[in-house]
Amino acid sequence: MDNEHLIQLMKSIDFSCKKHRDQRRKDSHSTPYINHPIGVAYNLIKAGVYDSDILQAAILHDTIEDTQTTKEEIIKEFGERVASYVMDVTDDKSLSKQERKKHQIEHALHIQNESKLVKMADKLFNLRDIQTNAPPSWSVDVIQGYFVWAKAVINNLRGQNQWLESQLDEIFNSTFTFKGSQYPTIPCTPDKEPEILENYYKILVGKD
């Protein structure tokens, strides 16, 4: 990475830190939110992704969805390419939570390959976090529903990076710890996953 790209990457970190400065994660430790986008970029680097625009998009990926940042602001500061990746992975907050979850699965098929990398690295960070540090307000059913839903999203992102896929598949074949007990992340055979997914959607009704 040359000096110009390094400067842009550091600029994106500074920008994201300021945008997320008052936000915390939902985990039991209420960790600073900025840990998440930095962790997503780190996952990409570990996966061998060094493209500056993709890494910037990873750092910025939640700014439009979760702060007052606009697409135009991202374009002005970081360019059209970075903004397009950020928009690809930004949920439409005008939809209900249930509708957003369903849309993510379908939308994953149609986003740019670079955006798929960001999305996979994002899911990897979140799933690893939930394995050991799930939000205390969640239940086992919600956590397992989330894992099944995330697997459905990932299945529509495959074919981009072997390392990311292998790390995610390892999680889907593993367990999570919640309130002192261990549970399988995916509690059923593949043919039963649609049923788990439908139950998860029902739980989400009214959760906006």
Protein backbone atom coordinates (compact mmCIF):
# COMPACT_ATOMS: atom_id res chain seq x y z
CA MET A 1 0.00 0.00 0.00
CA ASP A 2 1.53 3.32 -1.06
CA ASN A 3 1.55 6.48 1.04
CA GLU A 4 -1.53 7.99 -0.64
CA HIS A 5 -3.63 4.90 0.03
CA LEU A 6 -2.35 4.68 3.59
CA ILE A 7 -3.35 8.30 4.18
CA GLN A 8 -6.85 7.59 2.85
CA LEU A 9 -7.17 4.52 5.06
CA MET A 10 -6.14 6.50 8.14
CA LYS A 11 -8.57 9.24 7.11
CA SER A 12 -11.39 6.68 7.01
CA ILE A 13 -10.48 5.46 10.51
CA ASP A 14 -10.47 9.02 11.83
CA PHE A 15 -13.81 9.72 10.12
CA SER A 16 -15.42 6.54 11.47
CA CYS A 17 -14.08 7.14 15.00
CA LYS A 18 -15.74 10.55 15.05
CA LYS A 19 -19.03 9.27 13.62
CA HIS A 20 -19.28 6.36 16.08
CA ARG A 21 -17.75 8.17 19.07
CA ASP A 22 -20.88 8.01 21.25
CA GLN A 23 -21.94 4.48 20.28
CA ARG A 24 -21.42 1.18 22.05
CA ARG A 25 -21.86 -2.43 20.97
CA LYS A 26 -24.79 -4.46 22.34
CA ASP A 27 -22.50 -7.05 23.93
CA SER A 28 -22.30 -7.67 27.66
CA HIS A 29 -19.22 -5.42 27.96
CA SER A 30 -20.71 -2.51 25.98
CA THR A 31 -17.47 -2.25 24.01
CA PRO A 32 -16.81 0.90 21.93
CA TYR A 33 -18.56 0.58 18.57
CA ILE A 34 -15.46 1.56 16.61
CA ASN A 35 -13.90 -1.78 17.60
CA HIS A 36 -16.29 -3.40 15.13
CA PRO A 37 -15.41 -1.65 11.83
CA ILE A 38 -11.71 -1.81 12.65
CA GLY A 39 -12.13 -5.53 13.35
CA VAL A 40 -13.91 -6.03 10.02
CA ALA A 41 -11.00 -4.39 8.18
CA TYR A 42 -8.58 -6.56 10.14
CA ASN A 43 -10.48 -9.69 9.05
CA LEU A 44 -10.08 -8.60 5.43
CA ILE A 45 -6.35 -8.07 5.82
CA LYS A 46 -6.02 -11.52 7.41
CA ALA A 47 -7.93 -12.88 4.40
CA GLY A 48 -5.35 -11.34 2.06
CA VAL A 49 -7.46 -8.37 0.96
CA TYR A 50 -5.27 -5.26 0.71
CA ASP A 51 -7.27 -3.09 -1.70
CA SER A 52 -7.43 0.35 -0.07
CA ASP A 53 -10.98 1.11 -1.24
CA ILE A 54 -12.31 -2.17 0.15
CA LEU A 55 -10.56 -1.59 3.48
CA GLN A 56 -11.93 1.97 3.66
CA ALA A 57 -15.42 0.64 2.95
CA ALA A 58 -15.00 -1.85 5.80
CA ILE A 59 -14.05 0.95 8.18
CA LEU A 60 -16.98 3.07 6.99
CA HIS A 61 -19.55 0.33 6.44
CA ASP A 62 -21.91 1.28 9.29
CA THR A 63 -21.61 5.07 9.10
CA ILE A 64 -24.61 5.63 6.82
CA GLU A 65 -26.76 2.96 8.48
CA ASP A 66 -26.05 3.85 12.11
CA THR A 67 -25.04 7.53 12.15
CA GLN A 68 -26.16 10.75 10.46
CA THR A 69 -23.64 10.28 7.64
CA THR A 70 -24.96 10.59 4.07
CA LYS A 71 -23.91 8.89 0.86
CA GLU A 72 -22.95 12.29 -0.52
CA GLU A 73 -20.60 12.83 2.41
CA ILE A 74 -18.86 9.51 1.76
CA ILE A 75 -18.53 10.34 -1.95
CA LYS A 76 -17.04 13.74 -1.17
CA GLU A 77 -14.51 12.41 1.34
CA PHE A 78 -13.67 8.97 -0.11
CA GLY A 79 -14.96 8.76 -3.67
CA GLU A 80 -17.69 7.00 -5.64
CA ARG A 81 -16.13 3.53 -5.47
CA VAL A 82 -15.88 3.43 -1.68
CA ALA A 83 -19.38 4.91 -1.37
CA SER A 84 -20.82 2.24 -3.67
CA TYR A 85 -19.40 -0.53 -1.48
CA VAL A 86 -20.74 1.13 1.67
CA MET A 87 -24.18 1.49 0.10
CA ASP A 88 -24.16 -2.18 -0.93
CA VAL A 89 -23.86 -3.25 2.72
CA THR A 90 -26.17 -0.60 4.20
CA ASP A 91 -29.60 -1.73 5.43
CA ASP A 92 -32.71 0.23 4.52
CA LYS A 93 -33.87 1.48 7.92
CA SER A 94 -37.31 2.33 6.51
CA LEU A 95 -38.02 -1.42 6.54
CA SER A 96 -38.95 -3.37 9.65
CA LYS A 97 -36.22 -5.46 11.26
CA GLN A 98 -37.87 -8.62 9.93
CA GLU A 99 -38.01 -7.22 6.39
CA ARG A 100 -34.39 -6.05 6.60
CA LYS A 101 -33.21 -9.52 7.58
CA LYS A 102 -35.08 -11.12 4.68
CA HIS A 103 -33.82 -8.47 2.26
CA GLN A 104 -30.19 -9.03 3.28
CA ILE A 105 -30.36 -12.66 2.14
CA GLU A 106 -31.72 -11.78 -1.30
CA HIS A 107 -29.64 -8.61 -1.70
CA ALA A 108 -26.41 -10.52 -1.00
CA LEU A 109 -26.71 -12.19 -4.41
CA HIS A 110 -26.65 -8.91 -6.29
CA ILE A 111 -23.97 -6.75 -4.64
CA GLN A 112 -20.49 -6.18 -6.07
CA ASN A 113 -17.83 -8.79 -5.37
CA GLU A 114 -15.82 -6.26 -3.37
CA SER A 115 -18.87 -5.55 -1.23
CA LYS A 116 -19.36 -9.28 -0.68
CA LEU A 117 -15.90 -9.39 0.90
CA VAL A 118 -16.85 -6.59 3.30
CA LYS A 119 -20.12 -8.34 4.12
CA MET A 120 -18.41 -11.65 4.83
CA ALA A 121 -15.78 -10.02 7.04
CA ASP A 122 -18.56 -8.16 8.86
CA LYS A 123 -20.49 -11.36 9.51
CA LEU A 124 -17.31 -13.11 10.68
CA PHE A 125 -16.67 -10.41 13.27
CA ASN A 126 -20.25 -10.42 14.53
CA LEU A 127 -20.55 -14.20 14.73
CA ARG A 128 -17.28 -14.57 16.60
CA ASP A 129 -18.43 -11.89 19.01
CA ILE A 130 -21.77 -13.60 19.59
CA GLN A 131 -20.07 -16.95 20.19
CA THR A 132 -18.59 -15.67 23.45
CA ASN A 133 -20.22 -12.32 24.16
CA ALA A 134 -23.84 -12.29 22.98
CA PRO A 135 -26.12 -9.43 24.04
CA PRO A 136 -27.44 -10.42 27.49
CA SER A 137 -31.00 -9.51 26.49
CA TRP A 138 -31.03 -12.18 23.77
CA SER A 139 -32.28 -15.74 24.27
CA VAL A 140 -30.80 -19.02 23.02
CA ASP A 141 -33.51 -19.15 20.33
CA VAL A 142 -32.63 -15.65 19.13
CA ILE A 143 -28.91 -16.43 19.04
CA GLN A 144 -29.40 -19.67 17.12
CA GLY A 145 -31.85 -17.93 14.80
CA TYR A 146 -29.22 -15.28 14.13
CA PHE A 147 -26.62 -17.92 13.27
CA VAL A 148 -29.02 -19.68 10.87
CA TRP A 149 -29.94 -16.35 9.27
CA ALA A 150 -26.26 -15.37 8.94
CA LYS A 151 -25.53 -18.71 7.26
CA ALA A 152 -28.28 -18.01 4.71
CA VAL A 153 -26.68 -14.63 3.95
CA ILE A 154 -23.20 -16.16 3.66
CA ASN A 155 -24.46 -18.87 1.30
CA ASN A 156 -25.32 -16.07 -1.15
CA LEU A 157 -21.87 -14.48 -0.80
CA ARG A 158 -19.70 -17.52 -1.41
CA GLY A 159 -16.99 -17.78 -4.05
CA GLN A 160 -15.02 -14.65 -3.11
CA ASN A 161 -12.45 -15.67 -0.51
CA GLN A 162 -11.54 -19.14 0.72
CA TRP A 163 -10.13 -17.98 4.06
CA LEU A 164 -13.26 -16.05 5.02
CA GLU A 165 -15.47 -18.96 4.01
CA SER A 166 -13.43 -21.47 6.00
CA GLN A 167 -13.55 -19.29 9.11
CA LEU A 168 -17.31 -18.86 8.79
CA ASP A 169 -17.92 -22.56 8.15
CA GLU A 170 -15.91 -23.37 11.25
CA ILE A 171 -18.31 -21.21 13.26
CA PHE A 172 -21.38 -22.83 11.69
CA ASN A 173 -20.04 -26.21 12.81
CA SER A 174 -19.18 -25.04 16.30
CA THR A 175 -20.83 -23.87 19.53
CA PHE A 176 -21.48 -20.67 21.43
CA THR A 177 -21.41 -19.96 25.15
CA PHE A 178 -24.35 -18.16 26.75
CA LYS A 179 -24.89 -17.63 30.46
CA GLY A 180 -22.46 -20.40 31.34
CA SER A 181 -23.78 -23.08 28.99
CA GLN A 182 -22.74 -24.21 25.51
CA TYR A 183 -25.08 -24.63 22.55
CA PRO A 184 -24.64 -25.51 18.85
CA THR A 185 -24.60 -22.45 16.62
CA ILE A 186 -26.73 -24.28 14.05
CA PRO A 187 -29.17 -26.44 16.05
CA CYS A 188 -30.51 -28.55 13.19
CA THR A 189 -29.82 -30.31 9.91
CA PRO A 190 -29.88 -28.14 6.73
CA ASP A 191 -33.40 -29.26 5.80
CA LYS A 192 -34.71 -27.81 9.08
CA GLU A 193 -32.95 -24.44 8.75
CA PRO A 194 -35.88 -22.73 6.93
CA GLU A 195 -38.11 -23.59 9.90
CA ILE A 196 -35.61 -22.09 12.37
CA LEU A 197 -35.37 -19.03 10.13
CA GLU A 198 -39.14 -18.53 10.08
CA ASN A 199 -39.29 -18.78 13.86
CA TYR A 200 -36.48 -16.21 14.07
CA TYR A 201 -38.43 -13.81 11.87
CA LYS A 202 -41.48 -14.21 14.11
CA ILE A 203 -39.39 -13.34 17.17
CA LEU A 204 -38.23 -10.15 15.43
CA VAL A 205 -41.77 -8.82 14.91
CA GLY A 206 -42.14 -5.64 16.96
CA LYS A 207 -38.43 -5.50 17.83
CA ASP A 208 -37.68 -2.31 15.85
